[in-house]
Amino acid sequence: MKQKKKDIIKSLAINDKDVGSAEIQIGLLSQKIQKLAEHFKKFKKDKHSTIGLNKSVNRRKRLLNYLKKNNSESYNKVIKQLNLRK
C-alpha cells in the first residue's frame, strides 16, 4: 500500500518536493475509490463504507473541476494517466 502511494506521488508530482498538489490528491483518491470498489464486491450491504465512497468520489470530482478550470494541461495529463474518462 505504501509503495503504491509513493508510486502515485512520484508519477504525478510537479516537482521533487510536491506531495499535496491537486494532481496527487486526485491520484490518491482514485486509488482509494478502486480499493473501496473491490471491497463492495465482497460486502454489498456495507452502508457505512458507502458514505466514505461517496465523499471520496465527490471530492475527486471537485478537484478535477478545479484543475480543469485553472490548469487544463495538467487536467488532461491526469485524465490520461489515470484512465478516468474515455
C-alpha atoms as a PDB file:
ATOM      1  CA  MET A   1       0.000   0.000   0.000  1.00  0.00           C
ATOM      2  CA  LYS A   2       2.735   2.477   0.926  1.00  0.00           C
ATOM      3  CA  GLN A   3       4.683   1.594  -2.197  1.00  0.00           C
ATOM      4  CA  LYS A   4       1.608   2.209  -4.396  1.00  0.00           C
ATOM      5  CA  LYS A   5       1.136   5.574  -2.714  1.00  0.00           C
ATOM      6  CA  LYS A   6       4.770   6.512  -3.342  1.00  0.00           C
ATOM      7  CA  ASP A   7       4.477   5.456  -6.980  1.00  0.00           C
ATOM      8  CA  ILE A   8       1.381   7.598  -7.474  1.00  0.00           C
ATOM      9  CA  ILE A   9       3.048  10.590  -5.840  1.00  0.00           C
ATOM     10  CA  LYS A  10       6.186  10.131  -7.928  1.00  0.00           C
ATOM     11  CA  SER A  11       4.288   9.800 -11.215  1.00  0.00           C
ATOM     12  CA  LEU A  12       2.001  12.814 -10.706  1.00  0.00           C
ATOM     13  CA  ALA A  13       4.332  15.194  -8.827  1.00  0.00           C
ATOM     14  CA  ILE A  14       5.047  18.582 -10.345  1.00  0.00           C
ATOM     15  CA  ASN A  15       8.482  18.797  -8.707  1.00  0.00           C
ATOM     16  CA  ASP A  16      10.607  16.699  -6.329  1.00  0.00           C
ATOM     17  CA  LYS A  17       9.106  18.021  -3.090  1.00  0.00           C
ATOM     18  CA  ASP A  18       5.480  18.012  -4.239  1.00  0.00           C
ATOM     19  CA  VAL A  19       3.257  15.836  -2.036  1.00  0.00           C
ATOM     20  CA  GLY A  20      -0.079  17.649  -1.891  1.00  0.00           C
ATOM     21  CA  SER A  21      -0.957  19.182  -5.239  1.00  0.00           C
ATOM     22  CA  ALA A  22      -4.385  18.644  -6.775  1.00  0.00           C
ATOM     23  CA  GLU A  23      -2.954  16.105  -9.222  1.00  0.00           C
ATOM     24  CA  ILE A  24      -1.577  13.942  -6.426  1.00  0.00           C
ATOM     25  CA  GLN A  25      -4.767  14.232  -4.389  1.00  0.00           C
ATOM     26  CA  ILE A  26      -6.783  13.067  -7.405  1.00  0.00           C
ATOM     27  CA  GLY A  27      -4.462  10.111  -7.887  1.00  0.00           C
ATOM     28  CA  LEU A  28      -4.663   9.059  -4.238  1.00  0.00           C
ATOM     29  CA  LEU A  29      -8.444   9.421  -4.189  1.00  0.00           C
ATOM     30  CA  SER A  30      -8.684   7.308  -7.336  1.00  0.00           C
ATOM     31  CA  GLN A  31      -6.685   4.576  -5.620  1.00  0.00           C
ATOM     32  CA  LYS A  32      -8.967   4.767  -2.575  1.00  0.00           C
ATOM     33  CA  ILE A  33     -12.080   4.570  -4.782  1.00  0.00           C
ATOM     34  CA  GLN A  34     -10.742   1.492  -6.576  1.00  0.00           C
ATOM     35  CA  LYS A  35      -9.965  -0.157  -3.253  1.00  0.00           C
ATOM     36  CA  LEU A  36     -13.477   0.528  -1.962  1.00  0.00           C
ATOM     37  CA  ALA A  37     -14.997  -0.787  -5.205  1.00  0.00           C
ATOM     38  CA  GLU A  38     -13.173  -4.084  -4.634  1.00  0.00           C
ATOM     39  CA  HIS A  39     -14.438  -4.099  -1.045  1.00  0.00           C
ATOM     40  CA  PHE A  40     -18.051  -3.731  -2.205  1.00  0.00           C
ATOM     41  CA  LYS A  41     -17.751  -6.781  -4.452  1.00  0.00           C
ATOM     42  CA  LYS A  42     -17.454  -8.872  -1.273  1.00  0.00           C
ATOM     43  CA  PHE A  43     -19.585  -6.829   1.143  1.00  0.00           C
ATOM     44  CA  LYS A  44     -22.570  -5.441  -0.726  1.00  0.00           C
ATOM     45  CA  LYS A  45     -24.504  -4.356   2.367  1.00  0.00           C
ATOM     46  CA  ASP A  46     -21.746  -2.241   3.922  1.00  0.00           C
ATOM     47  CA  LYS A  47     -23.600   1.063   4.117  1.00  0.00           C
ATOM     48  CA  HIS A  48     -21.064   2.798   6.359  1.00  0.00           C
ATOM     49  CA  SER A  49     -18.313   2.478   3.755  1.00  0.00           C
ATOM     50  CA  THR A  50     -20.727   3.631   1.055  1.00  0.00           C
ATOM     51  CA  ILE A  51     -20.779   7.049   2.697  1.00  0.00           C
ATOM     52  CA  GLY A  52     -16.981   7.201   2.562  1.00  0.00           C
ATOM     53  CA  LEU A  53     -17.009   6.177  -1.086  1.00  0.00           C
ATOM     54  CA  ASN A  54     -19.493   8.926  -1.959  1.00  0.00           C
ATOM     55  CA  LYS A  55     -17.391  11.523  -0.131  1.00  0.00           C
ATOM     56  CA  SER A  56     -14.261  10.396  -1.969  1.00  0.00           C
ATOM     57  CA  VAL A  57     -15.955  10.460  -5.374  1.00  0.00           C
ATOM     58  CA  ASN A  58     -17.387  13.940  -4.760  1.00  0.00           C
ATOM     59  CA  ARG A  59     -14.067  15.286  -3.526  1.00  0.00           C
ATOM     60  CA  ARG A  60     -12.260  13.903  -6.589  1.00  0.00           C
ATOM     61  CA  LYS A  61     -14.933  15.463  -8.810  1.00  0.00           C
ATOM     62  CA  ARG A  62     -14.432  18.877  -7.169  1.00  0.00           C
ATOM     63  CA  LEU A  63     -10.648  18.616  -7.534  1.00  0.00           C
ATOM     64  CA  LEU A  64     -10.995  17.665 -11.206  1.00  0.00           C
ATOM     65  CA  ASN A  65     -13.283  20.659 -11.814  1.00  0.00           C
ATOM     66  CA  TYR A  66     -10.759  22.935 -10.087  1.00  0.00           C
ATOM     67  CA  LEU A  67      -7.901  21.540 -12.146  1.00  0.00           C
ATOM     68  CA  LYS A  68      -9.862  21.820 -15.401  1.00  0.00           C
ATOM     69  CA  LYS A  69     -10.669  25.450 -14.670  1.00  0.00           C
ATOM     70  CA  ASN A  70      -7.166  26.521 -13.589  1.00  0.00           C
ATOM     71  CA  ASN A  71      -4.762  24.244 -15.481  1.00  0.00           C
ATOM     72  CA  SER A  72      -6.270  22.373 -18.420  1.00  0.00           C
ATOM     73  CA  GLU A  73      -2.902  20.933 -19.488  1.00  0.00           C
ATOM     74  CA  SER A  74      -2.418  19.230 -16.155  1.00  0.00           C
ATOM     75  CA  TYR A  75      -6.078  18.138 -16.161  1.00  0.00           C
ATOM     76  CA  ASN A  76      -5.630  16.330 -19.473  1.00  0.00           C
ATOM     77  CA  LYS A  77      -2.423  14.696 -18.224  1.00  0.00           C
ATOM     78  CA  VAL A  78      -4.136  13.371 -15.081  1.00  0.00           C
ATOM     79  CA  ILE A  79      -7.170  12.106 -17.008  1.00  0.00           C
ATOM     80  CA  LYS A  80      -4.983  10.176 -19.457  1.00  0.00           C
ATOM     81  CA  GLN A  81      -2.636   8.807 -16.823  1.00  0.00           C
ATOM     82  CA  LEU A  82      -5.402   7.557 -14.517  1.00  0.00           C
ATOM     83  CA  ASN A  83      -7.789   6.460 -17.307  1.00  0.00           C
ATOM     84  CA  LEU A  84     -10.702   8.307 -15.722  1.00  0.00           C
ATOM     85  CA  ARG A  85     -12.574   9.366 -18.854  1.00  0.00           C
ATOM     86  CA  LYS A  86     -12.582   7.900 -22.314  1.00  0.00           C
END
